[in-house]
Amino acid sequence: MKFFSSSRSWPTWLRHSILLAIVIGSAAIELRSLLSLPVAVQSQPILKALPNEEDIRNTARIVDTAFEAAWNQNNIQPASRADTLTIVRRLSLALTGSIPSLQEIRELEMHPEDERVAWWFTHLLVDRRSSNYLAERLARVYVGTEDGPFIVYRRRRLVEWLSDELYANQPYDQIVRSLIDAQGIWTTNPESNFISVTVEPDKGPSEAKLATRVSRAFLGVQMDCVQCHDGKLDSNWKQQDFHQLAAFFGQSGFALTGLCDDPKDKYEFRYLRQKEEKIIGAVVPWQPELLPEHGAPRQRLAKWVTARDNKPFARTFVNRLWALMLNRPLVLPIDEIPLNGPFPPGLEILADDFSSHGYDVQRLIRVIVATRVFQLRSDSTDPNKLLTTEAEQQWAAFPMTRLRPDQMAGSVIQAASLNTLDAETHVIFRLKRSIDVNNFVQRYGDVGEDEFGNQSGTITQRLLLMNGNMISNNIGTDVLTTAAARISLLAPDSSTAIETAYLAVLTRRPSTMEAEYFSAKLAKTQENKTRSIAMSDIYWSLLNSTEFSWNH
């Protein structure tokens, strides 16, 4: 007590210096543990075998066989398997929207090599970041990206509800039924936001918008193209198909208890070339035998959409989840899957497995990750034999795609922090991260709902990366906040500093040539400040590299 009481009389600068030393010292201890090489655990397996692990591998092998048959038929030689850290990076981008942290890489490398991918995947599935990120990706499909009518709509509540459902691994058919047949207040019953987002002034929920959402999001059919007239060319859809589907929402409205159905309401529409509106009956566009005879219209529709024998339902989610994991759907456009084929390799196998296992989303992700396609390299190991466009189109290599804006922002912020930014991170840092990502996405350009169209980079986007605040604010020389400065101060030598930077930014170790080049740059610096600036420049180079901004 005497020490602390007497310390109050110390000069302010001295007290601040001592506090700074304590902070730097604790950071140094933590950082040095991240800079040091991990000790592999050899005594016993870290990851216990899951009850259905062999079943998942068997399903993945069946999918692999289908792709391999297509490769043989087209005389295509597939790429070799990617290294573990590359697969880990893909998984992290797909499930969290960010690259893995240095802290996570060190923890990963404590496990035996043959267990690392399985451990990492399980680590991500129980991480709340994964359910949060997947919920946002799906919410874009279900309700779009706009805020909607605030009085009766809360997008954030819907995303939170979806995240809870995914985190608990609720069956996907149950989730979809809850959305289509939602009741109650949009705040206390968040699933009702699927309906309330379509509310039009003085009209209530839009039957046409809901029919469009249901057909595209859950059935993989663009029926809205026949909203105004019958289909053209080889289309089998008629205008009545769309509006008979819309009629299932004709009774939807609001009362004091929130969203509900009024049996007295009817859906009316005037077809093309007809003089008057008429009441449209609720009829499904195919397999009417799957539609229950009794119940409210939306309840019957929800059961028809998710019926086990309504195969477009399973195909549609498989196609979208495949796109979320590999950045490109099996069928393009993603919401236009032919009802009767032909189907690409793997789609029917995965759809049948998905439905036969109770629409288990986590199992489906596990199967996709276990496939050979997901674990292939994105390039050829033979410099004299480049992969052809046909090989990539036939999934004989992992598709190379640009990071989405949210992935880019999340990865820059994570690379600037050697520790993992997850649910355990202090709320202030999580809030700052959310604000920074949103600001960057707005300036960079949000792709909106069409996340899997052909997105090409622009000069403005490149300039934003090179000169914008997102990167400059995260590579400064402030010892306490940026990874670049902390590495430059605490790394025992230049080679360790370069290796740490490559792992934190590119999720790989540098090649011999890269290590020698950048180590020489650092070795020329004598003072800490000069060394910190040099390390910041190296970080800037890595963050602006093509390798960082692409998923591969």
Protein backbone atom coordinates (compact mmCIF):
# COMPACT_ATOMS: atom_id res chain seq x y z
CA MET A 1 0.00 0.00 0.00
CA LYS A 2 2.90 2.37 0.76
CA PHE A 3 4.27 1.76 -2.71
CA PHE A 4 1.01 2.65 -4.46
CA SER A 5 0.27 5.64 -2.27
CA SER A 6 3.73 7.04 -2.77
CA SER A 7 3.55 6.46 -6.50
CA ARG A 8 0.81 9.07 -6.76
CA SER A 9 3.41 11.75 -6.12
CA TRP A 10 5.50 10.59 -9.07
CA PRO A 11 5.58 12.80 -12.15
CA THR A 12 2.81 12.13 -14.66
CA TRP A 13 5.27 11.22 -17.38
CA LEU A 14 6.87 8.59 -15.13
CA ARG A 15 3.57 6.99 -14.20
CA HIS A 16 2.55 6.89 -17.87
CA SER A 17 5.91 5.40 -18.80
CA ILE A 18 5.52 2.64 -16.23
CA LEU A 19 1.99 1.89 -17.45
CA LEU A 20 3.20 1.82 -21.04
CA ALA A 21 6.03 -0.54 -20.07
CA ILE A 22 3.57 -2.89 -18.37
CA VAL A 23 1.29 -2.91 -21.41
CA ILE A 24 4.17 -3.45 -23.83
CA GLY A 25 5.64 -6.11 -21.58
CA SER A 26 2.43 -8.11 -21.43
CA ALA A 27 1.97 -7.70 -25.18
CA ALA A 28 5.54 -8.83 -25.73
CA ILE A 29 5.06 -11.99 -23.71
CA GLU A 30 1.90 -12.80 -25.64
CA LEU A 31 3.44 -11.97 -29.00
CA ARG A 32 6.59 -13.96 -28.42
CA SER A 33 4.44 -17.05 -27.87
CA LEU A 34 2.89 -16.39 -31.29
CA LEU A 35 6.26 -15.78 -32.93
CA SER A 36 7.72 -19.05 -31.66
CA LEU A 37 7.20 -22.29 -33.56
CA PRO A 38 4.47 -24.55 -32.09
CA VAL A 39 5.24 -27.92 -30.60
CA ALA A 40 3.29 -30.64 -32.37
CA VAL A 41 1.21 -32.92 -30.17
CA GLN A 42 2.17 -36.51 -30.87
CA SER A 43 1.01 -38.44 -27.80
CA GLN A 44 -2.67 -38.81 -28.69
CA PRO A 45 -5.12 -37.52 -31.29
CA ILE A 46 -6.59 -34.12 -30.51
CA LEU A 47 -9.80 -34.65 -32.46
CA LYS A 48 -11.97 -37.59 -31.54
CA ALA A 49 -13.72 -39.35 -34.41
CA LEU A 50 -17.24 -38.14 -34.97
CA PRO A 51 -20.02 -40.77 -34.97
CA ASN A 52 -20.80 -40.22 -38.66
CA GLU A 53 -17.28 -39.42 -39.86
CA GLU A 54 -16.95 -42.60 -41.96
CA ASP A 55 -20.41 -42.05 -43.45
CA ILE A 56 -19.41 -38.52 -44.46
CA ARG A 57 -16.21 -39.78 -46.10
CA ASN A 58 -18.19 -42.44 -47.99
CA THR A 59 -20.60 -39.84 -49.35
CA ALA A 60 -17.70 -37.59 -50.33
CA ARG A 61 -16.09 -40.50 -52.20
CA ILE A 62 -19.30 -41.06 -54.17
CA VAL A 63 -19.30 -37.37 -55.13
CA ASP A 64 -15.61 -37.63 -56.07
CA THR A 65 -16.35 -40.61 -58.31
CA ALA A 66 -18.96 -38.59 -60.22
CA PHE A 67 -16.50 -35.74 -60.85
CA GLU A 68 -13.68 -38.13 -61.75
CA ALA A 69 -15.90 -39.79 -64.35
CA ALA A 70 -16.54 -36.39 -65.93
CA TRP A 71 -12.81 -35.62 -65.95
CA ASN A 72 -11.99 -38.94 -67.60
CA GLN A 73 -14.72 -38.44 -70.17
CA ASN A 74 -13.28 -35.05 -71.11
CA ASN A 75 -9.65 -36.19 -70.84
CA ILE A 76 -8.91 -33.67 -68.06
CA GLN A 77 -6.09 -34.08 -65.57
CA PRO A 78 -7.15 -32.55 -62.22
CA ALA A 79 -4.88 -30.42 -60.09
CA SER A 80 -3.13 -31.94 -57.10
CA ARG A 81 -4.26 -31.51 -53.50
CA ALA A 82 -3.70 -28.10 -51.94
CA ASP A 83 -1.53 -27.71 -48.87
CA THR A 84 -3.16 -27.63 -45.44
CA LEU A 85 -2.86 -23.89 -44.83
CA THR A 86 -4.48 -23.11 -48.19
CA ILE A 87 -7.46 -25.32 -47.32
CA VAL A 88 -7.62 -23.72 -43.87
CA ARG A 89 -7.75 -20.25 -45.48
CA ARG A 90 -10.58 -21.32 -47.82
CA LEU A 91 -12.59 -22.67 -44.91
CA SER A 92 -12.10 -19.55 -42.87
CA LEU A 93 -13.14 -17.25 -45.73
CA ALA A 94 -16.20 -19.39 -46.50
CA LEU A 95 -17.45 -19.74 -42.93
CA THR A 96 -16.32 -16.53 -41.20
CA GLY A 97 -15.65 -14.08 -44.05
CA SER A 98 -12.07 -13.59 -42.90
CA ILE A 99 -8.65 -15.19 -43.06
CA PRO A 100 -7.44 -17.13 -39.99
CA SER A 101 -5.46 -15.25 -37.35
CA LEU A 102 -1.84 -15.95 -36.48
CA GLN A 103 -3.05 -17.15 -33.09
CA GLU A 104 -5.31 -19.73 -34.75
CA ILE A 105 -2.54 -20.88 -37.09
CA ARG A 106 -0.24 -21.48 -34.15
CA GLU A 107 -2.94 -23.46 -32.38
CA LEU A 108 -3.65 -25.41 -35.57
CA GLU A 109 0.01 -26.37 -35.96
CA MET A 110 0.08 -27.88 -32.49
CA HIS A 111 -1.98 -30.75 -33.92
CA PRO A 112 -0.66 -33.63 -36.01
CA GLU A 113 -0.60 -32.81 -39.74
CA ASP A 114 -3.19 -35.41 -40.74
CA GLU A 115 -5.71 -34.01 -38.22
CA ARG A 116 -5.37 -30.30 -38.94
CA VAL A 117 -8.08 -29.80 -41.57
CA ALA A 118 -10.61 -31.81 -39.56
CA TRP A 119 -9.71 -29.96 -36.36
CA TRP A 120 -9.92 -26.57 -38.05
CA PHE A 121 -13.28 -27.35 -39.59
CA THR A 122 -14.73 -28.46 -36.24
CA HIS A 123 -13.19 -25.39 -34.61
CA LEU A 124 -15.03 -23.14 -37.07
CA LEU A 125 -18.38 -24.90 -36.79
CA VAL A 126 -18.53 -24.31 -33.04
CA ASP A 127 -17.34 -20.71 -33.47
CA ARG A 128 -20.22 -18.25 -33.39
CA ARG A 129 -18.59 -16.27 -36.20
CA SER A 130 -19.54 -19.05 -38.63
CA SER A 131 -23.26 -19.06 -37.88
CA ASN A 132 -23.29 -15.24 -37.88
CA TYR A 133 -21.60 -15.08 -41.26
CA LEU A 134 -23.69 -17.80 -42.91
CA ALA A 135 -26.84 -16.16 -41.52
CA GLU A 136 -25.92 -12.90 -43.26
CA ARG A 137 -25.20 -14.70 -46.53
CA LEU A 138 -28.59 -16.45 -46.42
CA ALA A 139 -30.44 -13.32 -45.32
CA ARG A 140 -29.31 -11.65 -48.54
CA VAL A 141 -31.19 -14.36 -50.43
CA TYR A 142 -34.29 -14.33 -48.24
CA VAL A 143 -34.84 -10.59 -47.70
CA GLY A 144 -32.16 -8.76 -49.69
CA THR A 145 -29.77 -6.16 -48.34
CA GLU A 146 -32.00 -3.11 -47.93
CA ASP A 147 -33.40 -1.98 -44.59
CA GLY A 148 -37.02 -2.25 -45.76
CA PRO A 149 -40.12 -0.78 -44.06
CA PHE A 150 -38.80 0.04 -40.58
CA ILE A 151 -42.21 0.15 -38.89
CA VAL A 152 -42.85 -3.56 -39.54
CA TYR A 153 -39.38 -4.90 -40.42
CA ARG A 154 -36.14 -5.57 -38.53
CA ARG A 155 -33.49 -7.17 -40.73
CA ARG A 156 -31.02 -7.45 -37.85
CA ARG A 157 -33.48 -9.51 -35.83
CA LEU A 158 -33.95 -11.92 -38.72
CA VAL A 159 -30.19 -12.37 -39.13
CA GLU A 160 -29.82 -13.02 -35.39
CA TRP A 161 -32.61 -15.60 -35.52
CA LEU A 162 -31.03 -17.33 -38.52
CA SER A 163 -27.68 -17.38 -36.72
CA ASP A 164 -29.26 -19.02 -33.67
CA GLU A 165 -30.96 -21.64 -35.85
CA LEU A 166 -27.75 -22.44 -37.74
CA TYR A 167 -25.66 -22.52 -34.57
CA ALA A 168 -28.08 -25.05 -33.08
CA ASN A 169 -27.98 -26.94 -36.41
CA GLN A 170 -31.75 -26.90 -36.79
CA PRO A 171 -32.91 -28.87 -39.86
CA TYR A 172 -33.03 -26.62 -42.90
CA ASP A 173 -36.57 -27.66 -43.84
CA GLN A 174 -37.73 -26.56 -40.39
CA ILE A 175 -36.06 -23.16 -40.85
CA VAL A 176 -37.73 -22.62 -44.22
CA ARG A 177 -41.18 -23.67 -42.95
CA SER A 178 -40.81 -21.16 -40.12
CA LEU A 179 -40.07 -18.41 -42.64
CA ILE A 180 -42.94 -19.14 -45.04
CA ASP A 181 -45.54 -19.78 -42.32
CA ALA A 182 -44.33 -17.09 -39.89
CA GLN A 183 -46.81 -15.48 -37.48
CA GLY A 184 -46.65 -12.70 -34.90
CA ILE A 185 -44.65 -9.56 -34.26
CA TRP A 186 -41.50 -8.99 -36.33
CA THR A 187 -39.44 -8.18 -33.22
CA THR A 188 -40.44 -11.07 -30.95
CA ASN A 189 -40.98 -13.50 -33.85
CA PRO A 190 -38.01 -12.60 -36.08
CA GLU A 191 -38.86 -15.17 -38.77
CA SER A 192 -41.90 -13.06 -39.67
CA ASN A 193 -39.53 -10.50 -41.20
CA PHE A 194 -39.38 -12.75 -44.26
CA ILE A 195 -42.98 -11.68 -44.92
CA SER A 196 -42.97 -8.16 -43.49
CA VAL A 197 -40.03 -6.99 -45.61
CA THR A 198 -42.35 -7.06 -48.63
CA VAL A 199 -44.99 -4.78 -47.09
CA GLU A 200 -46.13 -2.01 -49.41
CA PRO A 201 -47.78 1.21 -48.16
CA ASP A 202 -51.51 0.73 -47.54
CA LYS A 203 -51.40 -2.72 -49.17
CA GLY A 204 -49.81 -5.15 -46.74
CA PRO A 205 -47.36 -7.91 -47.79
CA SER A 206 -46.69 -8.14 -51.53
CA GLU A 207 -47.84 -11.52 -52.83
CA ALA A 208 -45.74 -11.07 -55.99
CA LYS A 209 -42.53 -10.35 -54.09
CA LEU A 210 -43.10 -13.32 -51.80
CA ALA A 211 -43.75 -15.65 -54.74
CA THR A 212 -40.50 -14.43 -56.28
CA ARG A 213 -38.55 -15.02 -53.07
CA VAL A 214 -39.98 -18.48 -52.51
CA SER A 215 -39.39 -19.64 -56.08
CA ARG A 216 -35.85 -18.28 -56.29
CA ALA A 217 -34.55 -18.81 -52.75
CA PHE A 218 -36.08 -22.19 -51.95
CA LEU A 219 -36.90 -23.83 -55.28
CA GLY A 220 -34.20 -22.52 -57.63
CA VAL A 221 -36.68 -21.29 -60.25
CA GLN A 222 -37.00 -17.78 -61.68
CA MET A 223 -40.77 -17.72 -61.96
CA ASP A 224 -40.97 -13.94 -61.71
CA CYS A 225 -40.04 -13.79 -65.40
CA VAL A 226 -43.65 -14.80 -66.18
CA GLN A 227 -45.26 -12.34 -63.79
CA CYS A 228 -46.53 -10.16 -66.65
CA HIS A 229 -46.85 -12.64 -69.52
CA ASP A 230 -46.34 -16.28 -70.44
CA GLY A 231 -42.81 -17.52 -70.90
CA LYS A 232 -41.06 -17.06 -74.22
CA LEU A 233 -38.98 -19.40 -76.37
CA ASP A 234 -38.55 -22.76 -74.61
CA SER A 235 -40.02 -21.69 -71.26
CA ASN A 236 -42.60 -24.01 -69.76
CA TRP A 237 -43.93 -21.41 -67.35
CA LYS A 238 -47.20 -19.56 -67.75
CA GLN A 239 -48.34 -16.34 -66.17
CA GLN A 240 -50.89 -18.25 -64.14
CA ASP A 241 -48.12 -20.42 -62.60
CA PHE A 242 -46.61 -17.37 -60.96
CA HIS A 243 -49.85 -15.85 -59.71
CA GLN A 244 -51.26 -19.15 -58.46
CA LEU A 245 -48.10 -19.42 -56.34
CA ALA A 246 -48.53 -15.81 -55.19
CA ALA A 247 -52.12 -16.63 -54.15
CA PHE A 248 -50.80 -18.65 -51.19
CA PHE A 249 -49.94 -15.28 -49.61
CA GLY A 250 -53.27 -13.65 -50.46
CA GLN A 251 -54.58 -13.93 -46.90
CA SER A 252 -51.44 -12.50 -45.22
CA GLY A 253 -51.90 -9.28 -43.28
CA PHE A 254 -51.46 -7.60 -39.93
CA ALA A 255 -53.53 -7.35 -36.78
CA LEU A 256 -52.82 -6.31 -33.20
CA THR A 257 -51.01 -9.61 -32.72
CA GLY A 258 -48.75 -8.95 -35.71
CA LEU A 259 -48.52 -10.96 -38.90
CA CYS A 260 -51.44 -13.35 -39.39
CA ASP A 261 -53.83 -14.73 -42.02
CA ASP A 262 -57.39 -13.60 -42.66
CA PRO A 263 -59.46 -16.32 -44.40
CA LYS A 264 -61.79 -13.65 -45.80
CA ASP A 265 -59.03 -12.11 -47.93
CA LYS A 266 -58.53 -13.31 -51.50
CA TYR A 267 -55.82 -12.75 -54.08
CA GLU A 268 -57.07 -11.00 -57.19
CA PHE A 269 -55.22 -10.28 -60.42
CA ARG A 270 -55.94 -9.30 -64.02
CA TYR A 271 -54.12 -11.52 -66.49
CA LEU A 272 -52.64 -10.17 -69.69
CA ARG A 273 -55.29 -9.39 -72.33
CA GLN A 274 -58.14 -9.84 -69.87
CA LYS A 275 -60.44 -6.97 -68.98
CA GLU A 276 -61.10 -7.60 -65.31
CA GLU A 277 -59.41 -8.91 -62.22
CA LYS A 278 -60.47 -12.28 -60.92
CA ILE A 279 -59.87 -14.30 -57.79
CA ILE A 280 -56.83 -16.53 -58.25
CA GLY A 281 -56.77 -19.90 -56.54
CA ALA A 282 -53.65 -21.14 -54.74
CA VAL A 283 -52.04 -23.86 -56.89
CA VAL A 284 -48.46 -25.16 -56.84
CA PRO A 285 -46.55 -25.22 -60.16
CA TRP A 286 -45.57 -28.90 -60.03
CA GLN A 287 -46.21 -32.10 -58.05
CA PRO A 288 -49.60 -31.05 -56.66
CA GLU A 289 -49.90 -34.43 -54.96
CA LEU A 290 -47.34 -33.22 -52.38
CA LEU A 291 -49.55 -30.30 -51.31
CA PRO A 292 -51.49 -31.01 -48.08
CA GLU A 293 -55.26 -30.78 -48.47
CA HIS A 294 -55.91 -29.06 -45.15
CA GLY A 295 -54.46 -26.08 -43.32
CA ALA A 296 -53.93 -22.37 -43.92
CA PRO A 297 -52.52 -21.48 -47.37
CA ARG A 298 -49.05 -20.51 -46.18
CA GLN A 299 -48.86 -23.55 -43.94
CA ARG A 300 -49.73 -25.84 -46.86
CA LEU A 301 -47.21 -24.08 -49.11
CA ALA A 302 -44.45 -24.39 -46.50
CA LYS A 303 -45.03 -28.15 -46.27
CA TRP A 304 -45.10 -28.52 -50.06
CA VAL A 305 -41.87 -26.54 -50.57
CA THR A 306 -39.99 -28.63 -47.99
CA ALA A 307 -41.53 -32.01 -48.85
CA ARG A 308 -38.94 -34.79 -49.03
CA ASP A 309 -40.03 -35.68 -52.58
CA ASN A 310 -39.89 -32.06 -53.78
CA LYS A 311 -36.31 -32.43 -54.99
CA PRO A 312 -35.80 -28.83 -56.23
CA PHE A 313 -35.81 -27.78 -52.57
CA ALA A 314 -32.74 -29.84 -51.67
CA ARG A 315 -31.00 -29.10 -54.99
CA THR A 316 -31.40 -25.37 -54.49
CA PHE A 317 -29.77 -25.30 -51.07
CA VAL A 318 -26.98 -27.66 -52.13
CA ASN A 319 -26.24 -25.41 -55.11
CA ARG A 320 -26.13 -22.31 -52.91
CA LEU A 321 -24.07 -23.87 -50.12
CA TRP A 322 -21.63 -25.22 -52.71
CA ALA A 323 -21.31 -21.65 -54.01
CA LEU A 324 -20.71 -20.29 -50.52
CA MET A 325 -17.95 -22.85 -49.94
CA LEU A 326 -16.29 -22.81 -53.39
CA ASN A 327 -17.28 -19.31 -54.59
CA ARG A 328 -19.13 -20.64 -57.64
CA PRO A 329 -22.38 -22.64 -57.81
CA LEU A 330 -22.67 -25.97 -59.55
CA VAL A 331 -25.47 -24.48 -61.69
CA LEU A 332 -25.48 -20.92 -63.04
CA PRO A 333 -27.55 -18.83 -62.65
CA ILE A 334 -27.67 -19.96 -59.05
CA ASP A 335 -31.47 -19.65 -58.87
CA GLU A 336 -32.29 -21.23 -62.23
CA ILE A 337 -31.88 -24.99 -61.87
CA PRO A 338 -33.70 -27.09 -64.48
CA LEU A 339 -36.45 -29.17 -62.93
CA ASN A 340 -35.62 -32.31 -64.88
CA GLY A 341 -31.93 -31.89 -65.57
CA PRO A 342 -29.41 -32.41 -66.89
CA PHE A 343 -27.56 -31.88 -63.64
CA PRO A 344 -23.80 -31.41 -63.10
CA PRO A 345 -21.75 -34.09 -61.30
CA GLY A 346 -22.38 -34.26 -57.59
CA LEU A 347 -25.57 -32.20 -57.41
CA GLU A 348 -28.08 -35.06 -57.24
CA ILE A 349 -25.84 -37.09 -54.94
CA LEU A 350 -25.49 -34.23 -52.48
CA ALA A 351 -29.19 -33.32 -52.71
CA ASP A 352 -30.29 -36.89 -51.99
CA ASP A 353 -27.83 -37.15 -49.08
CA PHE A 354 -29.02 -33.80 -47.71
CA SER A 355 -32.69 -34.80 -47.70
CA SER A 356 -32.11 -38.37 -46.49
CA HIS A 357 -30.16 -37.06 -43.48
CA GLY A 358 -32.88 -34.70 -42.30
CA TYR A 359 -31.61 -31.55 -44.03
CA ASP A 360 -28.59 -31.40 -41.73
CA VAL A 361 -26.70 -28.24 -42.80
CA GLN A 362 -23.53 -28.99 -40.84
CA ARG A 363 -23.35 -32.48 -42.30
CA LEU A 364 -23.72 -31.07 -45.82
CA ILE A 365 -20.85 -28.65 -45.18
CA ARG A 366 -18.73 -31.53 -43.85
CA VAL A 367 -19.41 -33.61 -46.96
CA ILE A 368 -18.51 -30.74 -49.31
CA VAL A 369 -15.28 -30.03 -47.43
CA ALA A 370 -14.35 -33.74 -47.54
CA THR A 371 -14.65 -33.89 -51.33
CA ARG A 372 -11.60 -33.96 -53.54
CA VAL A 373 -12.85 -30.92 -55.47
CA PHE A 374 -12.83 -28.67 -52.39
CA GLN A 375 -9.28 -29.72 -51.52
CA LEU A 376 -7.72 -29.34 -54.98
CA ARG A 377 -5.14 -26.69 -55.81
CA SER A 378 -6.27 -23.75 -57.90
CA ASP A 379 -3.24 -24.02 -60.18
CA SER A 380 -0.97 -26.60 -61.73
CA THR A 381 2.20 -27.78 -60.03
CA ASP A 382 3.76 -28.24 -63.47
CA PRO A 383 4.91 -24.82 -64.84
CA ASN A 384 4.90 -26.27 -68.36
CA LYS A 385 1.30 -27.50 -68.12
CA LEU A 386 -1.16 -24.75 -67.22
CA LEU A 387 -4.70 -25.61 -66.24
CA THR A 388 -7.18 -24.93 -69.02
CA THR A 389 -10.42 -22.96 -68.70
CA GLU A 390 -12.28 -26.21 -69.38
CA ALA A 391 -10.50 -27.87 -66.46
CA GLU A 392 -11.66 -25.14 -64.09
CA GLN A 393 -15.18 -25.24 -65.51
CA GLN A 394 -15.24 -29.00 -64.89
CA TRP A 395 -14.13 -28.50 -61.26
CA ALA A 396 -10.74 -30.09 -61.88
CA ALA A 397 -9.24 -27.22 -59.87
CA PHE A 398 -10.48 -25.00 -57.08
CA PRO A 399 -11.99 -21.90 -58.72
CA MET A 400 -10.06 -18.66 -58.24
CA THR A 401 -12.38 -15.77 -57.37
CA ARG A 402 -12.05 -12.27 -55.98
CA LEU A 403 -12.79 -11.80 -52.32
CA ARG A 404 -16.15 -10.19 -51.72
CA PRO A 405 -15.93 -6.70 -50.17
CA ASP A 406 -16.87 -7.96 -46.70
CA GLN A 407 -14.25 -10.71 -46.95
CA MET A 408 -11.63 -8.19 -48.03
CA ALA A 409 -12.37 -5.82 -45.15
CA GLY A 410 -12.60 -8.61 -42.57
CA SER A 411 -9.31 -10.10 -43.75
CA VAL A 412 -7.45 -6.77 -43.64
CA ILE A 413 -8.64 -6.14 -40.08
CA GLN A 414 -7.77 -9.69 -38.97
CA ALA A 415 -4.32 -9.51 -40.59
CA ALA A 416 -3.64 -6.35 -38.58
CA SER A 417 -4.32 -8.23 -35.35
CA LEU A 418 -2.20 -11.21 -34.43
CA ASN A 419 -4.89 -12.41 -32.04
CA THR A 420 -8.24 -13.83 -33.14
CA LEU A 421 -11.08 -11.34 -33.49
CA ASP A 422 -14.03 -13.46 -32.41
CA ALA A 423 -16.91 -13.48 -29.93
CA GLU A 424 -14.41 -13.45 -27.04
CA THR A 425 -12.88 -10.18 -28.23
CA HIS A 426 -13.81 -7.08 -26.24
CA VAL A 427 -17.06 -5.56 -27.42
CA ILE A 428 -15.36 -2.25 -28.28
CA PHE A 429 -13.05 -3.94 -30.78
CA ARG A 430 -15.92 -5.99 -32.23
CA LEU A 431 -18.01 -2.85 -32.65
CA LYS A 432 -15.12 -1.03 -34.31
CA ARG A 433 -14.59 -3.97 -36.65
CA SER A 434 -18.27 -3.97 -37.65
CA ILE A 435 -18.21 -0.24 -38.36
CA ASP A 436 -14.97 -0.47 -40.36
CA VAL A 437 -16.29 -3.37 -42.46
CA ASN A 438 -19.58 -1.62 -43.20
CA ASN A 439 -17.82 1.61 -44.18
CA PHE A 440 -15.41 -0.23 -46.45
CA VAL A 441 -18.17 -2.24 -48.14
CA GLN A 442 -20.14 0.93 -48.84
CA ARG A 443 -17.14 2.58 -50.47
CA TYR A 444 -15.85 -0.53 -52.22
CA GLY A 445 -19.28 -1.49 -53.54
CA ASP A 446 -21.65 -4.10 -52.16
CA VAL A 447 -22.50 -6.85 -54.66
CA GLY A 448 -25.92 -7.14 -53.03
CA GLU A 449 -27.91 -10.32 -53.52
CA ASP A 450 -26.08 -11.37 -56.70
CA GLU A 451 -22.94 -12.59 -54.97
CA PHE A 452 -21.99 -15.16 -57.60
CA GLY A 453 -22.25 -13.20 -60.82
CA ASN A 454 -19.14 -12.28 -62.77
CA GLN A 455 -17.61 -9.59 -60.58
CA SER A 456 -14.61 -7.80 -62.05
CA GLY A 457 -12.42 -5.40 -60.14
CA THR A 458 -12.35 -1.71 -60.96
CA ILE A 459 -9.60 0.91 -60.89
CA THR A 460 -11.49 2.74 -58.14
CA GLN A 461 -11.50 -0.38 -56.00
CA ARG A 462 -7.77 -0.90 -56.47
CA LEU A 463 -7.08 2.71 -55.55
CA LEU A 464 -9.27 2.34 -52.46
CA LEU A 465 -7.16 -0.61 -51.35
CA MET A 466 -3.85 1.07 -52.11
CA ASN A 467 -4.63 4.53 -50.72
CA GLY A 468 -7.74 4.15 -48.55
CA ASN A 469 -7.95 4.27 -44.78
CA MET A 470 -8.79 0.57 -44.41
CA ILE A 471 -5.21 -0.54 -45.03
CA SER A 472 -3.33 2.58 -43.92
CA ASN A 473 -5.05 2.61 -40.52
CA ASN A 474 -4.12 -1.03 -39.97
CA ILE A 475 -0.43 -0.90 -40.87
CA GLY A 476 0.66 2.15 -38.89
CA THR A 477 3.67 2.26 -36.60
CA ASP A 478 1.65 2.41 -33.37
CA VAL A 479 3.21 -0.31 -31.21
CA LEU A 480 0.08 -1.01 -29.22
CA THR A 481 -2.41 -1.49 -32.06
CA THR A 482 -0.91 -2.78 -35.30
CA ALA A 483 0.59 -6.16 -36.01
CA ALA A 484 3.28 -4.75 -38.31
CA ALA A 485 4.73 -2.51 -35.60
CA ARG A 486 4.51 -5.18 -32.91
CA ILE A 487 6.29 -7.71 -35.11
CA SER A 488 9.06 -5.25 -35.98
CA LEU A 489 9.64 -4.46 -32.30
CA LEU A 490 9.45 -7.94 -30.79
CA ALA A 491 10.58 -10.41 -33.48
CA PRO A 492 14.02 -11.78 -32.48
CA ASP A 493 15.34 -11.58 -36.04
CA SER A 494 14.38 -10.52 -39.56
CA SER A 495 13.56 -14.02 -40.82
CA THR A 496 11.10 -14.58 -37.95
CA ALA A 497 9.50 -11.20 -38.62
CA ILE A 498 9.00 -11.99 -42.32
CA GLU A 499 7.62 -15.46 -41.65
CA THR A 500 5.19 -14.06 -39.08
CA ALA A 501 3.98 -11.38 -41.50
CA TYR A 502 3.38 -13.93 -44.28
CA LEU A 503 1.44 -16.22 -41.96
CA ALA A 504 -0.66 -13.35 -40.61
CA VAL A 505 -1.48 -11.87 -44.04
CA LEU A 506 -1.22 -14.65 -46.66
CA THR A 507 -1.72 -17.71 -44.42
CA ARG A 508 1.47 -19.29 -45.70
CA ARG A 509 5.19 -19.17 -45.13
CA PRO A 510 7.37 -17.21 -47.57
CA SER A 511 9.35 -18.94 -50.26
CA THR A 512 13.13 -18.93 -49.91
CA MET A 513 13.40 -16.10 -52.44
CA GLU A 514 10.70 -14.02 -50.69
CA ALA A 515 12.25 -14.57 -47.27
CA GLU A 516 15.72 -13.58 -48.44
CA TYR A 517 14.46 -10.46 -50.24
CA PHE A 518 12.40 -9.03 -47.39
CA SER A 519 14.84 -10.12 -44.68
CA ALA A 520 17.54 -8.14 -46.46
CA LYS A 521 15.25 -5.09 -46.43
CA LEU A 522 14.74 -5.38 -42.68
CA ALA A 523 18.38 -6.14 -41.97
CA LYS A 524 19.36 -2.72 -43.35
CA THR A 525 17.33 -0.93 -40.69
CA GLN A 526 19.15 -0.03 -37.52
CA GLU A 527 16.70 1.93 -35.37
CA ASN A 528 13.37 0.61 -34.08
CA LYS A 529 11.44 3.42 -35.75
CA THR A 530 13.06 2.80 -39.11
CA ARG A 531 12.51 -0.94 -38.71
CA SER A 532 8.85 -0.35 -37.86
CA ILE A 533 8.35 1.76 -41.00
CA ALA A 534 10.02 -0.93 -43.11
CA MET A 535 7.79 -3.61 -41.60
CA SER A 536 4.76 -1.43 -42.27
CA ASP A 537 5.82 -1.13 -45.92
CA ILE A 538 6.15 -4.92 -46.18
CA TYR A 539 2.69 -5.35 -44.68
CA TRP A 540 1.30 -2.85 -47.18
CA SER A 541 2.84 -4.84 -50.05
CA LEU A 542 1.36 -8.12 -48.84
CA LEU A 543 -2.10 -6.66 -48.23
CA ASN A 544 -2.14 -5.14 -51.72
CA SER A 545 -0.95 -8.31 -53.42
CA THR A 546 -3.22 -10.17 -55.82
CA GLU A 547 -2.73 -13.29 -53.73
CA PHE A 548 -4.33 -11.61 -50.71
CA SER A 549 -7.38 -10.28 -52.57
CA TRP A 550 -8.30 -13.60 -54.23
CA ASN A 551 -9.70 -16.84 -52.89
CA HIS A 552 -7.67 -19.67 -54.32
